[in-house]
Protein backbone atom coordinates (compact mmCIF):
# COMPACT_ATOMS: atom_id res chain seq x y z
CA MET A 1 0.01 -0.11 0.17
CA GLN A 2 1.45 3.53 -0.88
CA ILE A 3 0.93 6.34 1.10
CA HIS A 4 -0.53 9.29 -1.03
CA LEU A 5 1.63 12.20 -1.18
CA ARG A 6 -1.08 14.82 -0.58
CA GLN A 7 -1.48 13.44 3.11
CA ASN A 8 1.95 15.27 3.69
CA SER A 9 0.30 18.58 2.62
CA ASP A 10 -2.87 20.56 3.29
CA MET A 11 -1.87 23.06 0.54
CA GLN A 12 -3.81 23.31 -2.86
CA CYS A 13 -0.77 22.90 -4.64
CA PRO A 14 -0.42 19.65 -6.22
CA MET A 15 3.46 19.81 -5.93
CA ASP A 16 3.90 20.54 -2.46
CA GLY A 17 3.48 16.94 -0.88
CA LEU A 18 5.95 15.92 -3.33
CA LEU A 19 8.43 18.41 -2.82
CA ARG A 20 8.06 18.22 0.90
CA MET A 21 9.03 14.47 0.77
CA LEU A 22 12.15 15.14 -1.52
CA MET A 23 13.19 17.94 0.50
CA GLY A 24 13.44 15.68 3.65
CA PRO A 25 17.11 15.20 5.08
CA TRP A 26 19.15 12.76 2.75
CA THR A 27 16.28 11.81 0.47
CA THR A 28 17.77 13.44 -2.74
CA TYR A 29 21.18 12.04 -2.07
CA ILE A 30 19.65 8.54 -1.40
CA LEU A 31 17.72 8.76 -4.56
CA TRP A 32 20.77 9.76 -6.42
CA LEU A 33 23.02 6.93 -5.22
CA ILE A 34 20.46 4.37 -6.03
CA ARG A 35 19.89 5.73 -9.41
CA SER A 36 23.55 6.28 -10.12
CA ASN A 37 24.73 2.77 -8.67
CA GLY A 38 22.00 0.76 -9.13
CA PRO A 39 20.22 -1.51 -6.36
CA GLN A 40 22.06 -0.93 -2.74
CA ARG A 41 22.34 -2.74 0.47
CA PHE A 42 21.94 -0.84 3.48
CA GLY A 43 25.58 -1.12 4.30
CA GLN A 44 26.64 0.07 0.95
CA LEU A 45 24.55 3.11 1.36
CA LYS A 46 25.82 3.70 4.86
CA LYS A 47 29.47 3.58 3.40
CA GLN A 48 28.81 6.13 0.78
CA MET A 49 27.11 8.57 3.74
CA PRO A 50 29.46 8.33 6.47
CA THR A 51 28.13 11.35 8.17
CA ILE A 52 24.15 9.82 8.30
CA SER A 53 23.28 8.10 11.14
CA ALA A 54 22.04 4.48 10.99
CA LYS A 55 18.71 5.63 12.49
CA MET A 56 18.34 8.56 10.07
CA LEU A 57 19.09 6.18 7.05
CA THR A 58 16.80 3.75 8.11
CA GLU A 59 13.84 6.33 8.58
CA ARG A 60 14.49 7.80 5.08
CA LEU A 61 14.57 4.59 3.40
CA ARG A 62 11.45 3.39 5.05
CA MET A 63 9.74 6.68 4.17
CA LEU A 64 10.85 6.47 0.36
CA GLU A 65 9.47 2.46 0.46
CA GLU A 66 6.09 3.71 2.17
CA VAL A 67 5.60 6.25 -0.52
CA GLY A 68 6.32 3.92 -3.33
CA ILE A 69 9.39 5.09 -4.79
CA LEU A 70 11.89 2.29 -3.26
CA HIS A 71 11.31 -1.13 -3.41
CA ARG A 72 12.99 -3.27 -0.17
CA GLU A 73 13.83 -6.80 -0.74
CA GLN A 74 14.89 -8.87 1.94
CA GLU A 75 16.38 -12.26 1.58
CA GLU A 76 15.89 -14.92 4.36
CA SER A 77 19.33 -15.38 5.55
CA ILE A 78 21.56 -14.69 8.74
CA PRO A 79 21.98 -11.81 8.86
CA PRO A 80 19.22 -10.71 6.44
CA LYS A 81 20.12 -9.27 3.27
CA VAL A 82 18.25 -6.16 2.50
CA THR A 83 18.45 -4.63 -0.87
CA TYR A 84 16.94 -1.30 -2.04
CA SER A 85 16.00 -0.43 -5.69
CA MET A 86 13.97 2.00 -7.49
CA THR A 87 10.23 1.03 -8.19
CA GLU A 88 8.32 2.25 -11.64
CA ARG A 89 6.98 5.12 -9.52
CA GLY A 90 10.67 5.94 -8.38
CA ASN A 91 11.68 5.89 -11.95
CA ASP A 92 9.05 8.48 -12.69
CA LEU A 93 11.37 11.03 -10.82
CA ASN A 94 14.44 10.23 -13.37
CA LYS A 95 13.39 13.17 -15.62
CA VAL A 96 12.77 15.74 -12.68
CA LEU A 97 15.94 14.75 -10.88
CA ASP A 98 17.74 14.98 -13.86
CA ASP A 99 16.62 18.37 -14.54
CA LEU A 100 17.07 19.64 -11.38
CA ALA A 101 20.98 18.32 -11.23
CA LYS A 102 21.17 20.25 -14.80
CA LEU A 103 19.69 23.44 -12.97
CA ALA A 104 22.04 23.11 -9.99
CA VAL A 105 24.97 22.89 -12.30
CA LYS A 106 23.68 25.87 -14.43
CA TRP A 107 23.35 27.85 -11.20
CA ASP A 108 26.53 26.84 -10.04
CA CYS A 109 25.43 25.06 -6.92
CA PRO A 110 28.34 23.65 -4.92
CA GLY A 111 28.99 20.01 -5.72
CA ALA A 112 26.38 19.75 -8.58
CA GLU A 113 28.96 19.90 -11.59
CA LYS A 114 31.05 17.02 -10.01
CA ALA A 115 28.11 14.92 -9.25
CA ALA A 116 26.69 15.47 -12.71
CA ARG A 117 30.13 14.61 -14.37
CA GLU A 118 30.21 11.43 -12.39
CA LYS A 119 26.98 10.31 -13.45
CA MET A 120 27.37 11.21 -17.07
CA SER A 121 30.77 9.16 -17.01
CA LYS A 122 28.79 6.18 -15.50
CA LYS A 123 26.16 6.21 -18.27
CA MET A 124 28.80 6.27 -20.90
CA SER A 125 30.87 3.38 -19.27
């Protein structure tokens, strides 16, 4: 069951709930990592985000799963192997996130150009 993003907002603007969800701490970075690198395990994400707490990463991943943007797959093993990947709904964000990255580079936002170059080099390899 997916949570509807309009539940996050009492505003009439149809974008408000989506933007509030994306503005959450670490959310766009988590999405960028999974989009850039493919499905990721919790530990892989944590290594790429050394300053995030395990609790915050867990909260963000659960929220993205609840709204239907990420898929959580758990293999029954000891310890459990959990992998996160984009859902079809999550992939609907690709163009929007790409456009935001281009705008960040155009506006010279810190770190944006390096991130965009890295993503493009991965696409070409």
